[in-house]
Amino acid sequence: MKARNSYKIANRTRALDGLIDPLGRSERRVQRILESLRTEILEGGGGPNLRIRQVFRTPREIFRLELELPQLGYQRTTLLDRDALEELLAEDSIRAVVGMSSLES
């Protein structure tokens, strides 16, 4: 029989997130989101299923990334700032899949 209140913690680093400073926690969250986007783009979200549009110029540049995976009946929309978008497109494999045709302003 299982002891009461003995839950497995799937990701212990997230359990300790409340103890680190908010900027560090925010940066880790951004990295998890970018890694998730990279994975989805490389697994079939490129070409006509991906659109990147600039939605704001001031006070900060914000881009809207729309990713559609029709085989899963799935659509993902993510807002990114200029730094996060450049970090996402820094890898050559991502840049090749995305192509400059999906960048719109």
C-alpha atoms as a PDB file:
ATOM      1  CA  MET A   1       0.000   0.000   0.000  1.00  0.00           C
ATOM      2  CA  LYS A   2       1.209   3.473  -0.859  1.00  0.00           C
ATOM      3  CA  ALA A   3       1.948   5.863   1.982  1.00  0.00           C
ATOM      4  CA  ARG A   4      -0.270   8.935   2.148  1.00  0.00           C
ATOM      5  CA  ASN A   5       1.024  12.171   0.664  1.00  0.00           C
ATOM      6  CA  SER A   6       3.922  10.462  -1.091  1.00  0.00           C
ATOM      7  CA  TYR A   7       3.663  11.902  -4.585  1.00  0.00           C
ATOM      8  CA  LYS A   8       6.316  11.550  -7.219  1.00  0.00           C
ATOM      9  CA  ILE A   9       7.667  14.829  -8.446  1.00  0.00           C
ATOM     10  CA  ALA A  10       8.066  14.559 -12.227  1.00  0.00           C
ATOM     11  CA  ASN A  11      10.513  17.419 -12.534  1.00  0.00           C
ATOM     12  CA  ARG A  12      12.280  18.306  -9.326  1.00  0.00           C
ATOM     13  CA  THR A  13      13.860  21.419 -10.829  1.00  0.00           C
ATOM     14  CA  ARG A  14      10.396  22.919 -11.321  1.00  0.00           C
ATOM     15  CA  ALA A  15       9.541  22.093  -7.724  1.00  0.00           C
ATOM     16  CA  LEU A  16      12.365  24.399  -6.663  1.00  0.00           C
ATOM     17  CA  ASP A  17      11.428  27.203  -9.098  1.00  0.00           C
ATOM     18  CA  GLY A  18       9.793  29.201  -6.332  1.00  0.00           C
ATOM     19  CA  LEU A  19      13.121  29.461  -4.543  1.00  0.00           C
ATOM     20  CA  ILE A  20      15.122  31.059  -7.364  1.00  0.00           C
ATOM     21  CA  ASP A  21      14.876  34.656  -8.475  1.00  0.00           C
ATOM     22  CA  PRO A  22      12.093  35.598 -10.945  1.00  0.00           C
ATOM     23  CA  LEU A  23      14.484  36.593 -13.753  1.00  0.00           C
ATOM     24  CA  GLY A  24      16.206  33.218 -13.696  1.00  0.00           C
ATOM     25  CA  ARG A  25      12.855  31.451 -13.629  1.00  0.00           C
ATOM     26  CA  SER A  26      11.629  33.554 -16.555  1.00  0.00           C
ATOM     27  CA  GLU A  27      14.737  32.778 -18.620  1.00  0.00           C
ATOM     28  CA  ARG A  28      14.310  29.044 -18.021  1.00  0.00           C
ATOM     29  CA  ARG A  29      10.677  29.280 -19.108  1.00  0.00           C
ATOM     30  CA  VAL A  30      11.655  31.088 -22.326  1.00  0.00           C
ATOM     31  CA  GLN A  31      14.238  28.378 -23.054  1.00  0.00           C
ATOM     32  CA  ARG A  32      11.624  25.621 -22.556  1.00  0.00           C
ATOM     33  CA  ILE A  33       9.203  27.404 -24.925  1.00  0.00           C
ATOM     34  CA  LEU A  34      11.899  27.897 -27.590  1.00  0.00           C
ATOM     35  CA  GLU A  35      12.990  24.256 -27.330  1.00  0.00           C
ATOM     36  CA  SER A  36       9.370  23.149 -27.721  1.00  0.00           C
ATOM     37  CA  LEU A  37       8.963  25.371 -30.807  1.00  0.00           C
ATOM     38  CA  ARG A  38      12.203  24.034 -32.324  1.00  0.00           C
ATOM     39  CA  THR A  39      10.994  20.470 -31.877  1.00  0.00           C
ATOM     40  CA  GLU A  40       7.583  21.145 -33.444  1.00  0.00           C
ATOM     41  CA  ILE A  41       9.037  23.090 -36.375  1.00  0.00           C
ATOM     42  CA  LEU A  42      11.556  20.359 -37.177  1.00  0.00           C
ATOM     43  CA  GLU A  43       8.933  17.611 -36.897  1.00  0.00           C
ATOM     44  CA  GLY A  44       6.817  18.990 -39.705  1.00  0.00           C
ATOM     45  CA  GLY A  45       5.680  22.486 -38.933  1.00  0.00           C
ATOM     46  CA  GLY A  46       7.724  24.250 -41.581  1.00  0.00           C
ATOM     47  CA  GLY A  47       6.795  25.573 -44.990  1.00  0.00           C
ATOM     48  CA  PRO A  48       3.154  26.513 -45.536  1.00  0.00           C
ATOM     49  CA  ASN A  49       2.213  25.438 -41.995  1.00  0.00           C
ATOM     50  CA  LEU A  50       4.280  28.198 -40.383  1.00  0.00           C
ATOM     51  CA  ARG A  51       3.770  31.963 -40.429  1.00  0.00           C
ATOM     52  CA  ILE A  52       5.718  34.629 -38.583  1.00  0.00           C
ATOM     53  CA  ARG A  53       4.265  38.148 -38.541  1.00  0.00           C
ATOM     54  CA  GLN A  54       5.322  41.320 -36.790  1.00  0.00           C
ATOM     55  CA  VAL A  55       2.389  42.618 -34.752  1.00  0.00           C
ATOM     56  CA  PHE A  56       3.995  45.531 -32.822  1.00  0.00           C
ATOM     57  CA  ARG A  57       6.914  47.821 -33.572  1.00  0.00           C
ATOM     58  CA  THR A  58       6.809  50.111 -30.551  1.00  0.00           C
ATOM     59  CA  PRO A  59       7.434  50.196 -27.648  1.00  0.00           C
ATOM     60  CA  ARG A  60       8.867  46.734 -28.294  1.00  0.00           C
ATOM     61  CA  GLU A  61       8.975  44.557 -31.396  1.00  0.00           C
ATOM     62  CA  ILE A  62       6.617  41.605 -30.961  1.00  0.00           C
ATOM     63  CA  PHE A  63       6.210  38.766 -33.452  1.00  0.00           C
ATOM     64  CA  ARG A  64       3.372  36.283 -33.748  1.00  0.00           C
ATOM     65  CA  LEU A  65       4.422  32.748 -34.681  1.00  0.00           C
ATOM     66  CA  GLU A  66       1.562  30.590 -35.978  1.00  0.00           C
ATOM     67  CA  LEU A  67       2.289  26.888 -36.343  1.00  0.00           C
ATOM     68  CA  GLU A  68      -0.262  24.468 -37.746  1.00  0.00           C
ATOM     69  CA  LEU A  69       0.036  20.676 -37.639  1.00  0.00           C
ATOM     70  CA  PRO A  70      -2.986  19.472 -39.667  1.00  0.00           C
ATOM     71  CA  GLN A  71      -2.193  15.785 -39.168  1.00  0.00           C
ATOM     72  CA  LEU A  72      -2.787  16.337 -35.450  1.00  0.00           C
ATOM     73  CA  GLY A  73      -5.576  18.901 -35.842  1.00  0.00           C
ATOM     74  CA  TYR A  74      -3.372  21.280 -33.869  1.00  0.00           C
ATOM     75  CA  GLN A  75      -2.616  24.982 -34.133  1.00  0.00           C
ATOM     76  CA  ARG A  76      -0.193  26.868 -31.905  1.00  0.00           C
ATOM     77  CA  THR A  77       0.167  30.627 -31.649  1.00  0.00           C
ATOM     78  CA  THR A  78       3.084  32.099 -29.718  1.00  0.00           C
ATOM     79  CA  LEU A  79       4.106  35.726 -29.199  1.00  0.00           C
ATOM     80  CA  LEU A  80       7.857  36.341 -29.195  1.00  0.00           C
ATOM     81  CA  ASP A  81      10.004  39.430 -28.842  1.00  0.00           C
ATOM     82  CA  ARG A  82      12.859  40.178 -31.263  1.00  0.00           C
ATOM     83  CA  ASP A  83      15.512  38.534 -29.038  1.00  0.00           C
ATOM     84  CA  ALA A  84      13.561  35.291 -28.634  1.00  0.00           C
ATOM     85  CA  LEU A  85      12.812  35.123 -32.381  1.00  0.00           C
ATOM     86  CA  GLU A  86      16.476  35.643 -33.255  1.00  0.00           C
ATOM     87  CA  GLU A  87      17.460  32.941 -30.768  1.00  0.00           C
ATOM     88  CA  LEU A  88      14.923  30.567 -32.318  1.00  0.00           C
ATOM     89  CA  LEU A  89      16.233  31.279 -35.833  1.00  0.00           C
ATOM     90  CA  ALA A  90      19.900  31.062 -34.774  1.00  0.00           C
ATOM     91  CA  GLU A  91      20.123  27.365 -35.676  1.00  0.00           C
ATOM     92  CA  ASP A  92      20.713  26.691 -39.378  1.00  0.00           C
ATOM     93  CA  SER A  93      18.336  23.708 -39.344  1.00  0.00           C
ATOM     94  CA  ILE A  94      15.471  25.899 -38.100  1.00  0.00           C
ATOM     95  CA  ARG A  95      16.310  28.723 -40.502  1.00  0.00           C
ATOM     96  CA  ALA A  96      16.299  26.256 -43.430  1.00  0.00           C
ATOM     97  CA  VAL A  97      12.868  24.863 -42.477  1.00  0.00           C
ATOM     98  CA  VAL A  98      11.350  28.257 -41.745  1.00  0.00           C
ATOM     99  CA  GLY A  99      12.706  30.011 -44.830  1.00  0.00           C
ATOM    100  CA  MET A 100      12.395  33.722 -45.275  1.00  0.00           C
ATOM    101  CA  SER A 101       9.074  33.359 -47.120  1.00  0.00           C
ATOM    102  CA  SER A 102       7.175  32.804 -43.872  1.00  0.00           C
ATOM    103  CA  LEU A 103       8.427  36.084 -42.382  1.00  0.00           C
ATOM    104  CA  GLU A 104       5.824  38.788 -42.912  1.00  0.00           C
ATOM    105  CA  SER A 105       5.513  42.255 -41.447  1.00  0.00           C
END
